[in-house]
């Protein structure tokens, strides 16, 4: 906040408090001198040290024997009707239960299929990782065993085994880190959809 903004807000607050014009000018002259004494380039720091202009105006009004007016109520708050969220009535709850029962043949199979698919995806991921690890270990063991009989083949097997094992270790965390949360989000959306079926017949009154 610079000097001009501070003094403008201070003047407006003093005028709303009903302070005489002469006294307002004296107060503004005093605070303008405060800014001048602080030096050039320190307007914001000086304004921050004095506090909000409205609070300064309240102190000035009180020292002058004037009762400060109450702070203005924001227009959007003053005009906004008070709304209280009503609890769902017994009829709304009953309607939700009825809707859930009627849509039972729709959402239950879908829910079961989604859960089974999530389980299958997890099992497949674990199976693939286990298969690659087993293949890598097999190549490493086979390469070590054939190292003295066929060195070139053994080195190729060792290299392939190490590459496969390294790739599995490298990709294991990112794959699970992306696949598991994605499946979880899908199940969450499915539950949200099922919950929406219940609410269609029994919305809360607002």
Protein backbone atom coordinates (compact mmCIF):
# COMPACT_ATOMS: atom_id res chain seq x y z
CA UNK A 1 0.00 0.00 0.00
CA UNK A 2 1.47 3.37 -1.00
CA UNK A 3 1.01 6.77 0.63
CA UNK A 4 -1.83 7.89 -1.63
CA UNK A 5 -3.89 4.77 -1.00
CA UNK A 6 -3.29 4.96 2.75
CA UNK A 7 -4.29 8.62 3.00
CA UNK A 8 -7.33 8.14 0.76
CA UNK A 9 -8.67 5.28 2.84
CA UNK A 10 -7.92 7.21 6.01
CA UNK A 11 -9.84 10.24 4.73
CA UNK A 12 -12.83 8.10 3.73
CA UNK A 13 -12.92 6.41 7.12
CA UNK A 14 -12.72 9.72 8.99
CA UNK A 15 -15.48 11.20 6.82
CA UNK A 16 -17.71 8.22 7.52
CA UNK A 17 -17.06 8.77 11.23
CA UNK A 18 -18.39 12.34 11.01
CA UNK A 19 -15.15 14.11 11.82
CA UNK A 20 -14.99 17.81 10.89
CA UNK A 21 -13.14 18.65 7.70
CA UNK A 22 -10.54 20.79 9.49
CA UNK A 23 -9.65 17.97 11.85
CA UNK A 24 -9.47 15.51 8.96
CA UNK A 25 -7.04 17.78 7.12
CA UNK A 26 -4.89 18.11 10.24
CA UNK A 27 -4.78 14.32 10.65
CA UNK A 28 -3.88 13.79 7.01
CA UNK A 29 -1.16 16.43 7.23
CA UNK A 30 0.34 14.64 10.23
CA UNK A 31 0.42 11.24 8.51
CA UNK A 32 1.73 12.76 5.29
CA UNK A 33 4.66 14.11 7.30
CA UNK A 34 5.17 10.62 8.74
CA UNK A 35 5.61 9.31 5.21
CA UNK A 36 7.96 12.15 4.32
CA UNK A 37 10.11 11.54 7.40
CA UNK A 38 10.39 7.86 6.51
CA UNK A 39 12.11 8.79 3.28
CA UNK A 40 11.67 8.04 -0.40
CA UNK A 41 10.93 4.44 -1.38
CA UNK A 42 9.63 3.38 2.03
CA UNK A 43 5.93 4.14 1.56
CA UNK A 44 4.79 0.53 1.69
CA UNK A 45 6.95 -0.25 4.71
CA UNK A 46 5.68 2.85 6.54
CA UNK A 47 2.05 2.06 5.72
CA UNK A 48 2.46 -1.51 6.92
CA UNK A 49 4.00 -0.34 10.20
CA UNK A 50 1.00 1.91 10.94
CA UNK A 51 -1.58 -0.76 10.25
CA UNK A 52 -4.82 -0.58 8.32
CA UNK A 53 -6.06 2.97 7.65
CA UNK A 54 -9.48 2.01 8.98
CA UNK A 55 -7.96 1.02 12.34
CA UNK A 56 -5.96 4.26 12.45
CA UNK A 57 -9.17 6.21 11.77
CA UNK A 58 -10.94 4.44 14.63
CA UNK A 59 -8.18 5.51 17.05
CA UNK A 60 -8.29 9.11 15.77
CA UNK A 61 -12.06 9.27 16.15
CA UNK A 62 -11.92 7.90 19.67
CA UNK A 63 -9.22 10.38 20.67
CA UNK A 64 -11.43 13.15 19.29
CA UNK A 65 -14.39 11.97 21.38
CA UNK A 66 -16.29 10.60 18.38
CA UNK A 67 -17.83 7.14 18.51
CA UNK A 68 -16.62 5.22 15.45
CA UNK A 69 -19.40 3.87 13.23
CA UNK A 70 -19.78 0.10 12.91
CA UNK A 71 -17.82 -1.41 10.03
CA UNK A 72 -19.85 -1.62 6.80
CA UNK A 73 -21.37 -4.99 6.01
CA UNK A 74 -20.33 -6.30 2.58
CA UNK A 75 -23.20 -6.05 0.13
CA UNK A 76 -23.02 -9.65 -1.01
CA UNK A 77 -23.26 -10.81 2.61
CA UNK A 78 -26.02 -8.38 3.52
CA UNK A 79 -28.17 -9.35 0.56
CA UNK A 80 -27.43 -13.05 0.47
CA UNK A 81 -30.24 -15.03 2.05
CA UNK A 82 -29.27 -17.37 4.81
CA UNK A 83 -29.51 -20.88 3.51
CA UNK A 84 -29.37 -23.86 5.73
CA UNK A 85 -28.91 -27.31 4.38
CA UNK A 86 -31.91 -29.35 5.31
CA UNK A 87 -31.62 -32.93 6.31
CA UNK A 88 -33.18 -35.44 3.93
CA UNK A 89 -36.70 -36.32 4.89
CA UNK A 90 -37.93 -39.83 5.55
CA UNK A 91 -39.59 -39.90 2.13
CA UNK A 92 -36.31 -39.01 0.42
CA UNK A 93 -34.47 -41.79 2.24
CA UNK A 94 -37.22 -44.28 1.36
CA UNK A 95 -37.12 -43.19 -2.28
CA UNK A 96 -33.35 -43.69 -2.35
CA UNK A 97 -33.73 -47.20 -0.98
CA UNK A 98 -36.42 -48.02 -3.54
CA UNK A 99 -34.28 -46.71 -6.40
CA UNK A 100 -31.35 -48.77 -5.17
CA UNK A 101 -33.46 -51.93 -5.06
CA UNK A 102 -35.00 -51.31 -8.49
CA UNK A 103 -31.60 -50.68 -10.10
CA UNK A 104 -30.04 -53.67 -8.34
CA UNK A 105 -29.83 -55.78 -11.54
CA UNK A 106 -27.93 -52.93 -13.23
CA UNK A 107 -25.30 -51.79 -10.78
CA UNK A 108 -24.47 -55.04 -8.98
CA UNK A 109 -23.16 -56.95 -12.06
CA UNK A 110 -21.23 -53.90 -13.20
CA UNK A 111 -19.70 -53.55 -9.75
CA UNK A 112 -18.74 -57.22 -9.62
CA UNK A 113 -17.19 -57.11 -13.09
CA UNK A 114 -15.17 -53.99 -12.20
CA UNK A 115 -13.81 -55.57 -9.02
CA UNK A 116 -12.94 -58.79 -10.84
CA UNK A 117 -11.19 -56.84 -13.60
CA UNK A 118 -9.14 -54.96 -11.02
CA UNK A 119 -8.12 -58.26 -9.43
CA UNK A 120 -7.26 -59.76 -12.84
CA UNK A 121 -5.13 -56.75 -13.80
CA UNK A 122 -3.17 -56.98 -10.56
CA UNK A 123 -2.67 -60.74 -10.99
CA UNK A 124 -1.54 -60.31 -14.60
CA UNK A 125 0.96 -57.61 -13.63
CA UNK A 126 2.40 -59.79 -10.88
CA UNK A 127 2.55 -62.78 -13.26
CA UNK A 128 4.38 -60.83 -15.94
CA UNK A 129 6.87 -59.45 -13.46
CA UNK A 130 7.45 -62.90 -11.97
CA UNK A 131 7.89 -64.41 -15.45
CA UNK A 132 10.45 -61.79 -16.49
CA UNK A 133 12.34 -62.15 -13.21
CA UNK A 134 12.37 -65.92 -13.60
CA UNK A 135 13.59 -65.60 -17.19
CA UNK A 136 16.33 -63.19 -16.16
CA UNK A 137 17.50 -65.39 -13.30
CA UNK A 138 17.37 -68.45 -15.57
CA UNK A 139 19.55 -66.74 -18.17
CA UNK A 140 22.03 -65.61 -15.52
CA UNK A 141 22.26 -69.09 -13.95
CA UNK A 142 22.51 -70.74 -17.37
CA UNK A 143 25.17 -68.29 -18.46
CA UNK A 144 27.24 -68.96 -15.37
CA UNK A 145 26.89 -72.71 -15.85
CA UNK A 146 27.97 -72.51 -19.51
CA UNK A 147 30.72 -69.99 -18.90
CA UNK A 148 33.54 -72.51 -19.25
CA UNK A 149 31.98 -74.67 -21.98
CA UNK A 150 30.73 -71.94 -24.35
CA UNK A 151 32.02 -68.55 -23.17
CA UNK A 152 30.43 -66.51 -25.96
CA UNK A 153 26.99 -68.02 -25.45
CA UNK A 154 27.37 -67.72 -21.69
CA UNK A 155 28.24 -64.05 -21.90
CA UNK A 156 25.24 -63.39 -24.15
CA UNK A 157 22.98 -65.23 -21.71
CA UNK A 158 24.43 -63.35 -18.74
CA UNK A 159 24.00 -60.04 -20.55
CA UNK A 160 20.42 -60.81 -21.53
CA UNK A 161 19.60 -61.97 -18.02
CA UNK A 162 21.07 -58.86 -16.43
CA UNK A 163 19.25 -56.61 -18.93
CA UNK A 164 15.91 -58.30 -18.30
CA UNK A 165 16.37 -58.20 -14.52
CA UNK A 166 17.42 -54.55 -14.64
CA UNK A 167 14.44 -53.60 -16.80
CA UNK A 168 12.03 -55.37 -14.47
CA UNK A 169 13.49 -53.62 -11.44
CA UNK A 170 13.47 -50.29 -13.30
CA UNK A 171 9.90 -50.55 -14.62
CA UNK A 172 8.27 -52.35 -11.72
CA UNK A 173 7.63 -49.29 -9.53
CA UNK A 174 6.40 -46.94 -12.32
CA UNK A 175 4.06 -49.59 -13.75
CA UNK A 176 2.47 -50.39 -10.39
CA UNK A 177 2.52 -46.73 -9.41
CA UNK A 178 0.43 -45.87 -12.49
CA UNK A 179 -1.75 -48.97 -12.88
CA UNK A 180 -2.95 -49.42 -9.30
CA UNK A 181 -4.07 -45.79 -8.77
CA UNK A 182 -5.78 -45.83 -12.19
CA UNK A 183 -7.75 -48.93 -11.23
CA UNK A 184 -8.60 -47.37 -7.88
CA UNK A 185 -9.89 -44.22 -9.57
CA UNK A 186 -12.03 -46.33 -11.87
CA UNK A 187 -13.57 -48.21 -8.94
CA UNK A 188 -14.18 -44.91 -7.14
CA UNK A 189 -16.00 -43.48 -10.17
CA UNK A 190 -18.06 -46.64 -10.37
CA UNK A 191 -19.10 -46.33 -6.72
CA UNK A 192 -19.94 -42.68 -7.35
CA UNK A 193 -22.15 -43.72 -10.26
CA UNK A 194 -23.90 -46.30 -8.10
CA UNK A 195 -24.42 -43.69 -5.39
CA UNK A 196 -25.92 -41.39 -8.00
CA UNK A 197 -28.53 -44.03 -8.80
CA UNK A 198 -29.65 -43.93 -5.17
CA UNK A 199 -29.80 -40.14 -5.06
CA UNK A 200 -31.88 -39.72 -8.19
CA UNK A 201 -35.01 -40.68 -6.38
CA UNK A 202 -34.23 -38.98 -3.10
CA UNK A 203 -32.34 -35.74 -3.47
CA UNK A 204 -31.65 -33.67 -0.41
CA UNK A 205 -33.68 -30.56 -0.05
CA UNK A 206 -31.62 -27.38 -0.17
